[in-house]
Amino acid sequence: MKITSEELKEGQELYMSVISKAWKDSAFKKTLIEKPVQAIEQFLGKSIDATDMPHFVVEDQTDSATIYLNIPKKVSLENLELSEEQLELIAGGDFGAHAGAFASGIASGAAFMAILKKIF
């Protein structure tokens, strides 16, 4: 599935909106952890056909006394269209310690974009 940078941004915004709601609403957070698809359906107000979707795992990582290490899947950038700003960042070699966060952000945005594409 080819995802444009605009679609990726839309997916990342959805991702951050879901996280923000989980921070503010403990009942939503509980549902998100226990039944992620149901929580996202509730959030979007639409039903999701989860037949061909990957398995969602939601882990509460809000305990400040615990350090969490998430090993994201390797992201294939072959089907991703990057914005000029993202291309300049890569071309300038200014990734440093942010490479993992960038790849993780791409993966999260792409996962939520996959949800949106199934719904609309």
PDB file of N, CA and C in Angstrom:
ATOM      1  N   MET A   1       0.847  -1.171   0.000  1.00  0.00           N
ATOM      2  CA  MET A   1       0.000   0.000   0.000  1.00  0.00           C
ATOM      3  C   MET A   1       0.894   1.235   0.000  1.00  0.00           C
ATOM      4  N   LYS A   2       0.726   2.084  -0.999  1.00  0.00           N
ATOM      5  CA  LYS A   2       1.502   3.306  -1.106  1.00  0.00           C
ATOM      6  C   LYS A   2       0.843   4.391  -0.258  1.00  0.00           C
ATOM      7  N   ILE A   3       1.630   5.040   0.582  1.00  0.00           N
ATOM      8  CA  ILE A   3       1.125   6.069   1.475  1.00  0.00           C
ATOM      9  C   ILE A   3       1.863   7.369   1.180  1.00  0.00           C
ATOM     10  N   THR A   4       1.108   8.420   0.874  1.00  0.00           N
ATOM     11  CA  THR A   4       1.720   9.720   0.609  1.00  0.00           C
ATOM     12  C   THR A   4       2.079  10.394   1.923  1.00  0.00           C
ATOM     13  N   SER A   5       2.878  11.432   1.857  1.00  0.00           N
ATOM     14  CA  SER A   5       3.258  12.135   3.082  1.00  0.00           C
ATOM     15  C   SER A   5       2.040  12.806   3.722  1.00  0.00           C
ATOM     16  N   GLU A   6       1.064  13.228   2.910  1.00  0.00           N
ATOM     17  CA  GLU A   6      -0.158  13.819   3.463  1.00  0.00           C
ATOM     18  C   GLU A   6      -0.957  12.763   4.231  1.00  0.00           C
ATOM     19  N   GLU A   7      -1.055  11.570   3.663  1.00  0.00           N
ATOM     20  CA  GLU A   7      -1.761  10.479   4.336  1.00  0.00           C
ATOM     21  C   GLU A   7      -1.031  10.075   5.609  1.00  0.00           C
ATOM     22  N   LEU A   8       0.278  10.064   5.549  1.00  0.00           N
ATOM     23  CA  LEU A   8       1.076   9.742   6.727  1.00  0.00           C
ATOM     24  C   LEU A   8       0.821  10.763   7.829  1.00  0.00           C
ATOM     25  N   LYS A   9       0.787  12.035   7.468  1.00  0.00           N
ATOM     26  CA  LYS A   9       0.513  13.090   8.444  1.00  0.00           C
ATOM     27  C   LYS A   9      -0.873  12.903   9.059  1.00  0.00           C
ATOM     28  N   GLU A  10      -1.851  12.576   8.235  1.00  0.00           N
ATOM     29  CA  GLU A  10      -3.208  12.335   8.720  1.00  0.00           C
ATOM     30  C   GLU A  10      -3.226  11.159   9.701  1.00  0.00           C
ATOM     31  N   GLY A  11      -2.497  10.093   9.383  1.00  0.00           N
ATOM     32  CA  GLY A  11      -2.408   8.940  10.274  1.00  0.00           C
ATOM     33  C   GLY A  11      -1.728   9.281  11.581  1.00  0.00           C
ATOM     34  N   GLN A  12      -0.674  10.092  11.511  1.00  0.00           N
ATOM     35  CA  GLN A  12       0.040  10.493  12.723  1.00  0.00           C
ATOM     36  C   GLN A  12      -0.834  11.384  13.598  1.00  0.00           C
ATOM     37  N   GLU A  13      -1.636  12.248  12.972  1.00  0.00           N
ATOM     38  CA  GLU A  13      -2.544  13.105  13.737  1.00  0.00           C
ATOM     39  C   GLU A  13      -3.602  12.262  14.447  1.00  0.00           C
ATOM     40  N   LEU A  14      -4.114  11.250  13.760  1.00  0.00           N
ATOM     41  CA  LEU A  14      -5.078  10.335  14.380  1.00  0.00           C
ATOM     42  C   LEU A  14      -4.423   9.629  15.564  1.00  0.00           C
ATOM     43  N   TYR A  15      -3.220   9.127  15.352  1.00  0.00           N
ATOM     44  CA  TYR A  15      -2.464   8.437  16.400  1.00  0.00           C
ATOM     45  C   TYR A  15      -2.316   9.334  17.634  1.00  0.00           C
ATOM     46  N   MET A  16      -1.895  10.577  17.424  1.00  0.00           N
ATOM     47  CA  MET A  16      -1.697  11.491  18.550  1.00  0.00           C
ATOM     48  C   MET A  16      -3.027  11.845  19.215  1.00  0.00           C
ATOM     49  N   SER A  17      -4.103  11.938  18.457  1.00  0.00           N
ATOM     50  CA  SER A  17      -5.424  12.217  19.030  1.00  0.00           C
ATOM     51  C   SER A  17      -5.888  11.075  19.924  1.00  0.00           C
ATOM     52  N   VAL A  18      -5.637   9.844  19.488  1.00  0.00           N
ATOM     53  CA  VAL A  18      -6.014   8.672  20.283  1.00  0.00           C
ATOM     54  C   VAL A  18      -5.204   8.649  21.579  1.00  0.00           C
ATOM     55  N   ILE A  19      -3.904   8.911  21.484  1.00  0.00           N
ATOM     56  CA  ILE A  19      -3.041   8.935  22.667  1.00  0.00           C
ATOM     57  C   ILE A  19      -3.493  10.031  23.622  1.00  0.00           C
ATOM     58  N   SER A  20      -3.777  11.202  23.097  1.00  0.00           N
ATOM     59  CA  SER A  20      -4.214  12.328  23.922  1.00  0.00           C
ATOM     60  C   SER A  20      -5.507  11.994  24.667  1.00  0.00           C
ATOM     61  N   LYS A  21      -6.445  11.351  23.976  1.00  0.00           N
ATOM     62  CA  LYS A  21      -7.698  10.969  24.627  1.00  0.00           C
ATOM     63  C   LYS A  21      -7.430   9.940  25.729  1.00  0.00           C
ATOM     64  N   ALA A  22      -6.515   9.015  25.487  1.00  0.00           N
ATOM     65  CA  ALA A  22      -6.177   8.003  26.497  1.00  0.00           C
ATOM     66  C   ALA A  22      -5.566   8.652  27.738  1.00  0.00           C
ATOM     67  N   TRP A  23      -4.786   9.708  27.561  1.00  0.00           N
ATOM     68  CA  TRP A  23      -4.197  10.416  28.694  1.00  0.00           C
ATOM     69  C   TRP A  23      -5.271  11.101  29.530  1.00  0.00           C
ATOM     70  N   LYS A  24      -6.328  11.580  28.868  1.00  0.00           N
ATOM     71  CA  LYS A  24      -7.364  12.364  29.547  1.00  0.00           C
ATOM     72  C   LYS A  24      -8.532  11.529  30.070  1.00  0.00           C
ATOM     73  N   ASP A  25      -8.795  10.388  29.450  1.00  0.00           N
ATOM     74  CA  ASP A  25     -10.006   9.606  29.737  1.00  0.00           C
ATOM     75  C   ASP A  25      -9.616   8.181  30.136  1.00  0.00           C
ATOM     76  N   SER A  26      -9.665   7.887  31.433  1.00  0.00           N
ATOM     77  CA  SER A  26      -9.212   6.580  31.933  1.00  0.00           C
ATOM     78  C   SER A  26     -10.074   5.424  31.412  1.00  0.00           C
ATOM     79  N   ALA A  27     -11.369   5.646  31.215  1.00  0.00           N
ATOM     80  CA  ALA A  27     -12.233   4.581  30.682  1.00  0.00           C
ATOM     81  C   ALA A  27     -11.842   4.258  29.237  1.00  0.00           C
ATOM     82  N   PHE A  28     -11.565   5.300  28.443  1.00  0.00           N
ATOM     83  CA  PHE A  28     -11.120   5.086  27.058  1.00  0.00           C
ATOM     84  C   PHE A  28      -9.776   4.364  27.047  1.00  0.00           C
ATOM     85  N   LYS A  29      -8.873   4.779  27.925  1.00  0.00           N
ATOM     86  CA  LYS A  29      -7.542   4.162  28.024  1.00  0.00           C
ATOM     87  C   LYS A  29      -7.673   2.668  28.338  1.00  0.00           C
ATOM     88  N   LYS A  30      -8.552   2.330  29.263  1.00  0.00           N
ATOM     89  CA  LYS A  30      -8.758   0.926  29.638  1.00  0.00           C
ATOM     90  C   LYS A  30      -9.267   0.122  28.439  1.00  0.00           C
ATOM     91  N   THR A  31     -10.228   0.682  27.705  1.00  0.00           N
ATOM     92  CA  THR A  31     -10.753  -0.002  26.513  1.00  0.00           C
ATOM     93  C   THR A  31      -9.672  -0.114  25.450  1.00  0.00           C
ATOM     94  N   LEU A  32      -8.882   0.947  25.276  1.00  0.00           N
ATOM     95  CA  LEU A  32      -7.812   0.934  24.278  1.00  0.00           C
ATOM     96  C   LEU A  32      -6.809  -0.181  24.566  1.00  0.00           C
ATOM     97  N   ILE A  33      -6.495  -0.382  25.832  1.00  0.00           N
ATOM     98  CA  ILE A  33      -5.545  -1.433  26.213  1.00  0.00           C
ATOM     99  C   ILE A  33      -6.158  -2.818  26.024  1.00  0.00           C
ATOM    100  N   GLU A  34      -7.406  -2.981  26.448  1.00  0.00           N
ATOM    101  CA  GLU A  34      -8.047  -4.299  26.425  1.00  0.00           C
ATOM    102  C   GLU A  34      -8.638  -4.667  25.058  1.00  0.00           C
ATOM    103  N   LYS A  35      -9.206  -3.685  24.366  1.00  0.00           N
ATOM    104  CA  LYS A  35      -9.868  -3.932  23.079  1.00  0.00           C
ATOM    105  C   LYS A  35      -9.566  -2.771  22.134  1.00  0.00           C
ATOM    106  N   PRO A  36      -8.341  -2.736  21.568  1.00  0.00           N
ATOM    107  CA  PRO A  36      -7.904  -1.584  20.767  1.00  0.00           C
ATOM    108  C   PRO A  36      -8.816  -1.243  19.588  1.00  0.00           C
ATOM    109  N   VAL A  37      -9.238  -2.248  18.834  1.00  0.00           N
ATOM    110  CA  VAL A  37     -10.074  -1.968  17.663  1.00  0.00           C
ATOM    111  C   VAL A  37     -11.395  -1.342  18.101  1.00  0.00           C
ATOM    112  N   GLN A  38     -11.989  -1.888  19.153  1.00  0.00           N
ATOM    113  CA  GLN A  38     -13.248  -1.348  19.667  1.00  0.00           C
ATOM    114  C   GLN A  38     -13.055   0.110  20.126  1.00  0.00           C
ATOM    115  N   ALA A  39     -11.953   0.400  20.778  1.00  0.00           N
ATOM    116  CA  ALA A  39     -11.687   1.761  21.243  1.00  0.00           C
ATOM    117  C   ALA A  39     -11.519   2.725  20.076  1.00  0.00           C
ATOM    118  N   ILE A  40     -10.830   2.292  19.038  1.00  0.00           N
ATOM    119  CA  ILE A  40     -10.627   3.153  17.867  1.00  0.00           C
ATOM    120  C   ILE A  40     -11.945   3.344  17.124  1.00  0.00           C
ATOM    121  N   GLU A  41     -12.761   2.295  17.044  1.00  0.00           N
ATOM    122  CA  GLU A  41     -14.096   2.433  16.451  1.00  0.00           C
ATOM    123  C   GLU A  41     -14.908   3.465  17.228  1.00  0.00           C
ATOM    124  N   GLN A  42     -14.849   3.363  18.545  1.00  0.00           N
ATOM    125  CA  GLN A  42     -15.554   4.304  19.423  1.00  0.00           C
ATOM    126  C   GLN A  42     -15.037   5.723  19.166  1.00  0.00           C
ATOM    127  N   PHE A  43     -13.739   5.875  19.067  1.00  0.00           N
ATOM    128  CA  PHE A  43     -13.116   7.178  18.860  1.00  0.00           C
ATOM    129  C   PHE A  43     -13.542   7.788  17.521  1.00  0.00           C
ATOM    130  N   LEU A  44     -13.545   6.959  16.470  1.00  0.00           N
ATOM    131  CA  LEU A  44     -13.879   7.440  15.133  1.00  0.00           C
ATOM    132  C   LEU A  44     -15.379   7.539  14.882  1.00  0.00           C
ATOM    133  N   GLY A  45     -16.157   6.787  15.686  1.00  0.00           N
ATOM    134  CA  GLY A  45     -17.598   6.758  15.466  1.00  0.00           C
ATOM    135  C   GLY A  45     -17.973   5.946  14.242  1.00  0.00           C
ATOM    136  N   LYS A  46     -17.105   5.031  13.853  1.00  0.00           N
ATOM    137  CA  LYS A  46     -17.334   4.181  12.675  1.00  0.00           C
ATOM    138  C   LYS A  46     -16.863   2.766  12.961  1.00  0.00           C
ATOM    139  N   SER A  47     -17.485   1.829  12.285  1.00  0.00           N
ATOM    140  CA  SER A  47     -17.097   0.424  12.413  1.00  0.00           C
ATOM    141  C   SER A  47     -15.870   0.153  11.552  1.00  0.00           C
ATOM    142  N   ILE A  48     -14.998  -0.713  12.047  1.00  0.00           N
ATOM    143  CA  ILE A  48     -13.782  -1.087  11.310  1.00  0.00           C
ATOM    144  C   ILE A  48     -13.848  -2.564  10.975  1.00  0.00           C
ATOM    145  N   ASP A  49     -13.595  -2.896   9.709  1.00  0.00           N
ATOM    146  CA  ASP A  49     -13.469  -4.297   9.311  1.00  0.00           C
ATOM    147  C   ASP A  49     -12.022  -4.702   9.586  1.00  0.00           C
ATOM    148  N   ALA A  50     -11.803  -5.391  10.690  1.00  0.00           N
ATOM    149  CA  ALA A  50     -10.446  -5.737  11.127  1.00  0.00           C
ATOM    150  C   ALA A  50      -9.965  -7.068  10.565  1.00  0.00           C
ATOM    151  N   THR A  51     -10.668  -7.594   9.583  1.00  0.00           N
ATOM    152  CA  THR A  51     -10.338  -8.907   9.023  1.00  0.00           C
ATOM    153  C   THR A  51      -8.885  -9.020   8.574  1.00  0.00           C
ATOM    154  N   ASP A  52      -8.415  -8.066   7.780  1.00  0.00           N
ATOM    155  CA  ASP A  52      -7.059  -8.140   7.224  1.00  0.00           C
ATOM    156  C   ASP A  52      -6.073  -7.217   7.932  1.00  0.00           C
ATOM    157  N   MET A  53      -6.462  -6.721   9.080  1.00  0.00           N
ATOM    158  CA  MET A  53      -5.576  -5.804   9.790  1.00  0.00           C
ATOM    159  C   MET A  53      -4.621  -6.561  10.701  1.00  0.00           C
ATOM    160  N   PRO A  54      -3.448  -5.966  10.936  1.00  0.00           N
ATOM    161  CA  PRO A  54      -2.519  -6.597  11.882  1.00  0.00           C
ATOM    162  C   PRO A  54      -3.072  -6.561  13.298  1.00  0.00           C
ATOM    163  N   HIS A  55      -2.529  -7.402  14.145  1.00  0.00           N
ATOM    164  CA  HIS A  55      -2.912  -7.466  15.558  1.00  0.00           C
ATOM    165  C   HIS A  55      -2.404  -6.211  16.263  1.00  0.00           C
ATOM    166  N   PHE A  56      -3.246  -5.566  17.041  1.00  0.00           N
ATOM    167  CA  PHE A  56      -2.858  -4.374  17.796  1.00  0.00           C
ATOM    168  C   PHE A  56      -2.487  -4.768  19.213  1.00  0.00           C
ATOM    169  N   VAL A  57      -1.381  -4.247  19.692  1.00  0.00           N
ATOM    170  CA  VAL A  57      -0.980  -4.417  21.083  1.00  0.00           C
ATOM    171  C   VAL A  57      -0.816  -3.013  21.659  1.00  0.00           C
ATOM    172  N   VAL A  58      -1.561  -2.734  22.712  1.00  0.00           N
ATOM    173  CA  VAL A  58      -1.465  -1.435  23.373  1.00  0.00           C
ATOM    174  C   VAL A  58      -0.923  -1.684  24.770  1.00  0.00           C
ATOM    175  N   GLU A  59       0.167  -1.033  25.079  1.00  0.00           N
ATOM    176  CA  GLU A  59       0.832  -1.183  26.370  1.00  0.00           C
ATOM    177  C   GLU A  59       0.818   0.168  27.072  1.00  0.00           C
ATOM    178  N   ASP A  60       0.363   0.195  28.305  1.00  0.00           N
ATOM    179  CA  ASP A  60       0.366   1.424  29.092  1.00  0.00           C
ATOM    180  C   ASP A  60       1.799   1.692  29.544  1.00  0.00           C
ATOM    181  N   GLN A  61       2.388   2.749  29.013  1.00  0.00           N
ATOM    182  CA  GLN A  61       3.770   3.091  29.330  1.00  0.00           C
ATOM    183  C   GLN A  61       3.851   4.414  30.073  1.00  0.00           C
ATOM    184  N   THR A  62       2.876   4.681  30.926  1.00  0.00           N
ATOM    185  CA  THR A  62       2.827   5.968  31.622  1.00  0.00           C
ATOM    186  C   THR A  62       3.515   5.954  32.981  1.00  0.00           C
ATOM    187  N   ASP A  63       3.970   4.795  33.437  1.00  0.00           N
ATOM    188  CA  ASP A  63       4.642   4.700  34.736  1.00  0.00           C
ATOM    189  C   ASP A  63       6.034   5.322  34.634  1.00  0.00           C
ATOM    190  N   SER A  64       6.233   6.465  35.294  1.00  0.00           N
ATOM    191  CA  SER A  64       7.516   7.165  35.202  1.00  0.00           C
ATOM    192  C   SER A  64       8.645   6.435  35.927  1.00  0.00           C
ATOM    193  N   ALA A  65       8.310   5.442  36.737  1.00  0.00           N
ATOM    194  CA  ALA A  65       9.336   4.673  37.444  1.00  0.00           C
ATOM    195  C   ALA A  65       9.847   3.501  36.600  1.00  0.00           C
ATOM    196  N   THR A  66       9.311   3.373  35.398  1.00  0.00           N
ATOM    197  CA  THR A  66       9.697   2.270  34.514  1.00  0.00           C
ATOM    198  C   THR A  66      10.194   2.836  33.199  1.00  0.00           C
ATOM    199  N   ILE A  67      11.274   2.257  32.699  1.00  0.00           N
ATOM    200  CA  ILE A  67      11.778   2.629  31.377  1.00  0.00           C
ATOM    201  C   ILE A  67      11.314   1.554  30.395  1.00  0.00           C
ATOM    202  N   TYR A  68      10.648   1.989  29.344  1.00  0.00           N
ATOM    203  CA  TYR A  68      10.122   1.070  28.340  1.00  0.00           C
ATOM    204  C   TYR A  68      10.991   1.141  27.094  1.00  0.00           C
ATOM    205  N   LEU A  69      11.277   0.013  26.531  1.00  0.00           N
ATOM    206  CA  LEU A  69      12.030  -0.069  25.293  1.00  0.00           C
ATOM    207  C   LEU A  69      11.141  -0.760  24.271  1.00  0.00           C
ATOM    208  N   ASN A  70      10.767  -0.021  23.262  1.00  0.00           N
ATOM    209  CA  ASN A  70       9.929  -0.569  22.205  1.00  0.00           C
ATOM    210  C   ASN A  70      10.801  -0.825  20.988  1.00  0.00           C
ATOM    211  N   ILE A  71      10.815  -2.035  20.531  1.00  0.00           N
ATOM    212  CA  ILE A  71      11.571  -2.377  19.337  1.00  0.00           C
ATOM    213  C   ILE A  71      10.569  -2.437  18.185  1.00  0.00           C
ATOM    214  N   PRO A  72      10.485  -1.350  17.405  1.00  0.00           N
ATOM    215  CA  PRO A  72       9.509  -1.342  16.313  1.00  0.00           C
ATOM    216  C   PRO A  72       9.958  -2.240  15.169  1.00  0.00           C
ATOM    217  N   LYS A  73       8.973  -2.623  14.356  1.00  0.00           N
ATOM    218  CA  LYS A  73       9.330  -3.430  13.192  1.00  0.00           C
ATOM    219  C   LYS A  73      10.159  -2.579  12.250  1.00  0.00           C
ATOM    220  N   LYS A  74      10.952  -3.234  11.446  1.00  0.00           N
ATOM    221  CA  LYS A  74      11.752  -2.540  10.460  1.00  0.00           C
ATOM    222  C   LYS A  74      10.798  -1.941   9.438  1.00  0.00           C
ATOM    223  N   VAL A  75      10.944  -0.672   9.171  1.00  0.00           N
ATOM    224  CA  VAL A  75      10.034   0.021   8.277  1.00  0.00           C
ATOM    225  C   VAL A  75      10.608   0.026   6.868  1.00  0.00           C
ATOM    226  N   SER A  76       9.779  -0.378   5.909  1.00  0.00           N
ATOM    227  CA  SER A  76      10.163  -0.304   4.508  1.00  0.00           C
ATOM    228  C   SER A  76       9.752   1.063   3.995  1.00  0.00           C
ATOM    229  N   LEU A  77      10.724   1.829   3.563  1.00  0.00           N
ATOM    230  CA  LEU A  77      10.436   3.170   3.071  1.00  0.00           C
ATOM    231  C   LEU A  77      10.202   3.198   1.562  1.00  0.00           C
ATOM    232  N   GLU A  78      10.181   2.033   0.930  1.00  0.00           N
ATOM    233  CA  GLU A  78      10.035   1.968  -0.520  1.00  0.00           C
ATOM    234  C   GLU A  78       8.729   2.564  -1.022  1.00  0.00           C
ATOM    235  N   ASN A  79       7.630   2.366  -0.290  1.00  0.00           N
ATOM    236  CA  ASN A  79       6.327   2.847  -0.746  1.00  0.00           C
ATOM    237  C   ASN A  79       5.900   4.145  -0.084  1.00  0.00           C
ATOM    238  N   LEU A  80       6.835   4.842   0.540  1.00  0.00           N
ATOM    239  CA  LEU A  80       6.522   6.067   1.252  1.00  0.00           C
ATOM    240  C   LEU A  80       7.000   7.266   0.444  1.00  0.00           C
ATOM    241  N   GLU A  81       6.115   8.223   0.231  1.00  0.00           N
ATOM    242  CA  GLU A  81       6.485   9.458  -0.435  1.00  0.00           C
ATOM    243  C   GLU A  81       6.745  10.500   0.638  1.00  0.00           C
ATOM    244  N   LEU A  82       7.985  10.978   0.711  1.00  0.00           N
ATOM    245  CA  LEU A  82       8.355  11.941   1.747  1.00  0.00           C
ATOM    246  C   LEU A  82       8.172  13.370   1.244  1.00  0.00           C
ATOM    247  N   SER A  83       7.893  14.279   2.175  1.00  0.00           N
ATOM    248  CA  SER A  83       7.774  15.699   1.838  1.00  0.00           C
ATOM    249  C   SER A  83       9.176  16.253   1.572  1.00  0.00           C
ATOM    250  N   GLU A  84       9.231  17.449   1.007  1.00  0.00           N
ATOM    251  CA  GLU A  84      10.520  18.091   0.755  1.00  0.00           C
ATOM    252  C   GLU A  84      11.295  18.283   2.066  1.00  0.00           C
ATOM    253  N   GLU A  85      10.596  18.677   3.118  1.00  0.00           N
ATOM    254  CA  GLU A  85      11.222  18.888   4.428  1.00  0.00           C
ATOM    255  C   GLU A  85      11.828  17.583   4.959  1.00  0.00           C
ATOM    256  N   GLN A  86      11.094  16.480   4.824  1.00  0.00           N
ATOM    257  CA  GLN A  86      11.603  15.190   5.286  1.00  0.00           C
ATOM    258  C   GLN A  86      12.797  14.751   4.451  1.00  0.00           C
ATOM    259  N   LEU A  87      12.737  14.979   3.130  1.00  0.00           N
ATOM    260  CA  LEU A  87      13.854  14.625   2.259  1.00  0.00           C
ATOM    261  C   LEU A  87      15.098  15.437   2.599  1.00  0.00           C
ATOM    262  N   GLU A  88      14.922  16.723   2.884  1.00  0.00           N
ATOM    263  CA  GLU A  88      16.056  17.571   3.259  1.00  0.00           C
ATOM    264  C   GLU A  88      16.687  17.102   4.561  1.00  0.00           C
ATOM    265  N   LEU A  89      15.854  16.686   5.507  1.00  0.00           N
ATOM    266  CA  LEU A  89      16.358  16.179   6.781  1.00  0.00           C
ATOM    267  C   LEU A  89      17.227  14.954   6.555  1.00  0.00           C
ATOM    268  N   ILE A  90      16.743  14.051   5.714  1.00  0.00           N
ATOM    269  CA  ILE A  90      17.495  12.829   5.422  1.00  0.00           C
ATOM    270  C   ILE A  90      18.766  13.152   4.641  1.00  0.00           C
ATOM    271  N   ALA A  91      18.639  13.989   3.611  1.00  0.00           N
ATOM    272  CA  ALA A  91      19.787  14.331   2.772  1.00  0.00           C
ATOM    273  C   ALA A  91      20.865  15.052   3.567  1.00  0.00           C
ATOM    274  N   GLY A  92      20.454  15.868   4.533  1.00  0.00           N
ATOM    275  CA  GLY A  92      21.410  16.598   5.359  1.00  0.00           C
ATOM    276  C   GLY A  92      22.088  15.725   6.380  1.00  0.00           C
ATOM    277  N   GLY A  93      21.616  14.502   6.530  1.00  0.00           N
ATOM    278  CA  GLY A  93      22.223  13.584   7.480  1.00  0.00           C
ATOM    279  C   GLY A  93      21.982  13.975   8.926  1.00  0.00           C
ATOM    280  N   ASP A  94      20.965  14.770   9.180  1.00  0.00           N
ATOM    281  CA  ASP A  94      20.712  15.268  10.530  1.00  0.00           C
ATOM    282  C   ASP A  94      19.738  14.366  11.288  1.00  0.00           C
ATOM    283  N   PHE A  95      19.963  13.068  11.181  1.00  0.00           N
ATOM    284  CA  PHE A  95      19.081  12.121  11.870  1.00  0.00           C
ATOM    285  C   PHE A  95      19.536  11.899  13.299  1.00  0.00           C
ATOM    286  N   GLY A  96      20.809  11.634  13.475  1.00  0.00           N
ATOM    287  CA  GLY A  96      21.359  11.393  14.801  1.00  0.00           C
ATOM    288  C   GLY A  96      20.529  10.435  15.612  1.00  0.00           C
ATOM    289  N   ALA A  97      20.239  10.815  16.850  1.00  0.00           N
ATOM    290  CA  ALA A  97      19.485   9.968  17.770  1.00  0.00           C
ATOM    291  C   ALA A  97      18.011   9.911  17.428  1.00  0.00           C
ATOM    292  N   HIS A  98      17.563  10.709  16.467  1.00  0.00           N
ATOM    293  CA  HIS A  98      16.139  10.767  16.142  1.00  0.00           C
ATOM    294  C   HIS A  98      15.719   9.751  15.083  1.00  0.00           C
ATOM    295  N   ALA A  99      16.637   8.988  14.560  1.00  0.00           N
ATOM    296  CA  ALA A  99      16.311   8.034  13.503  1.00  0.00           C
ATOM    297  C   ALA A  99      15.253   7.031  13.947  1.00  0.00           C
ATOM    298  N   GLY A 100      15.403   6.498  15.159  1.00  0.00           N
ATOM    299  CA  GLY A 100      14.430   5.523  15.668  1.00  0.00           C
ATOM    300  C   GLY A 100      13.065   6.139  15.852  1.00  0.00           C
ATOM    301  N   ALA A 101      13.029   7.356  16.393  1.00  0.00           N
ATOM    302  CA  ALA A 101      11.747   8.042  16.588  1.00  0.00           C
ATOM    303  C   ALA A 101      11.100   8.352  15.251  1.00  0.00           C
ATOM    304  N   PHE A 102      11.902   8.738  14.273  1.00  0.00           N
ATOM    305  CA  PHE A 102      11.378   9.029  12.937  1.00  0.00           C
ATOM    306  C   PHE A 102      10.757   7.774  12.334  1.00  0.00           C
ATOM    307  N   ALA A 103      11.487   6.662  12.390  1.00  0.00           N
ATOM    308  CA  ALA A 103      10.986   5.402  11.840  1.00  0.00           C
ATOM    309  C   ALA A 103       9.749   4.935  12.599  1.00  0.00           C
ATOM    310  N   SER A 104       9.760   5.082  13.916  1.00  0.00           N
ATOM    311  CA  SER A 104       8.612   4.693  14.723  1.00  0.00           C
ATOM    312  C   SER A 104       7.405   5.562  14.398  1.00  0.00           C
ATOM    313  N   GLY A 105       7.635   6.843  14.192  1.00  0.00           N
ATOM    314  CA  GLY A 105       6.556   7.754  13.817  1.00  0.00           C
ATOM    315  C   GLY A 105       5.975   7.392  12.466  1.00  0.00           C
ATOM    316  N   ILE A 106       6.836   7.014  11.547  1.00  0.00           N
ATOM    317  CA  ILE A 106       6.370   6.580  10.232  1.00  0.00           C
ATOM    318  C   ILE A 106       5.522   5.328  10.381  1.00  0.00           C
ATOM    319  N   ALA A 107       6.000   4.379  11.178  1.00  0.00           N
ATOM    320  CA  ALA A 107       5.262   3.124  11.359  1.00  0.00           C
ATOM    321  C   ALA A 107       3.906   3.377  12.013  1.00  0.00           C
ATOM    322  N   SER A 108       3.868   4.224  13.040  1.00  0.00           N
ATOM    323  CA  SER A 108       2.604   4.523  13.720  1.00  0.00           C
ATOM    324  C   SER A 108       1.633   5.225  12.796  1.00  0.00           C
ATOM    325  N   GLY A 109       2.135   6.231  12.099  1.00  0.00           N
ATOM    326  CA  GLY A 109       1.278   6.948  11.156  1.00  0.00           C
ATOM    327  C   GLY A 109       0.772   6.045  10.051  1.00  0.00           C
ATOM    328  N   ALA A 110       1.653   5.175   9.560  1.00  0.00           N
ATOM    329  CA  ALA A 110       1.257   4.250   8.490  1.00  0.00           C
ATOM    330  C   ALA A 110       0.213   3.257   8.988  1.00  0.00           C
ATOM    331  N   ALA A 111       0.365   2.784  10.224  1.00  0.00           N
ATOM    332  CA  ALA A 111      -0.610   1.838  10.771  1.00  0.00           C
ATOM    333  C   ALA A 111      -1.984   2.486  10.896  1.00  0.00           C
ATOM    334  N   PHE A 112      -2.016   3.721  11.395  1.00  0.00           N
ATOM    335  CA  PHE A 112      -3.297   4.399  11.524  1.00  0.00           C
ATOM    336  C   PHE A 112      -3.843   4.811  10.161  1.00  0.00           C
ATOM    337  N   MET A 113      -2.967   5.087   9.202  1.00  0.00           N
ATOM    338  CA  MET A 113      -3.436   5.392   7.853  1.00  0.00           C
ATOM    339  C   MET A 113      -4.090   4.159   7.244  1.00  0.00           C
ATOM    340  N   ALA A 114      -3.549   2.980   7.533  1.00  0.00           N
ATOM    341  CA  ALA A 114      -4.158   1.737   7.048  1.00  0.00           C
ATOM    342  C   ALA A 114      -5.568   1.590   7.589  1.00  0.00           C
ATOM    343  N   ILE A 115      -5.771   1.983   8.847  1.00  0.00           N
ATOM    344  CA  ILE A 115      -7.112   1.943   9.444  1.00  0.00           C
ATOM    345  C   ILE A 115      -8.035   2.892   8.692  1.00  0.00           C
ATOM    346  N   LEU A 116      -7.565   4.121   8.473  1.00  0.00           N
ATOM    347  CA  LEU A 116      -8.394   5.105   7.791  1.00  0.00           C
ATOM    348  C   LEU A 116      -8.775   4.648   6.388  1.00  0.00           C
ATOM    349  N   LYS A 117      -7.812   4.059   5.669  1.00  0.00           N
ATOM    350  CA  LYS A 117      -8.089   3.610   4.301  1.00  0.00           C
ATOM    351  C   LYS A 117      -9.122   2.482   4.284  1.00  0.00           C
ATOM    352  N   LYS A 118      -9.162   1.661   5.324  1.00  0.00           N
ATOM    353  CA  LYS A 118     -10.161   0.588   5.395  1.00  0.00           C
ATOM    354  C   LYS A 118     -11.544   1.149   5.667  1.00  0.00           C
ATOM    355  N   ILE A 119     -11.613   2.277   6.376  1.00  0.00           N
ATOM    356  CA  ILE A 119     -12.897   2.835   6.762  1.00  0.00           C
ATOM    357  C   ILE A 119     -13.501   3.686   5.646  1.00  0.00           C
ATOM    358  N   PHE A 120     -12.669   4.497   5.019  1.00  0.00           N
ATOM    359  CA  PHE A 120     -13.195   5.465   4.045  1.00  0.00           C
ATOM    360  C   PHE A 120     -12.962   5.054   2.625  1.00  0.00           C
TER     361      PHE A 120
END
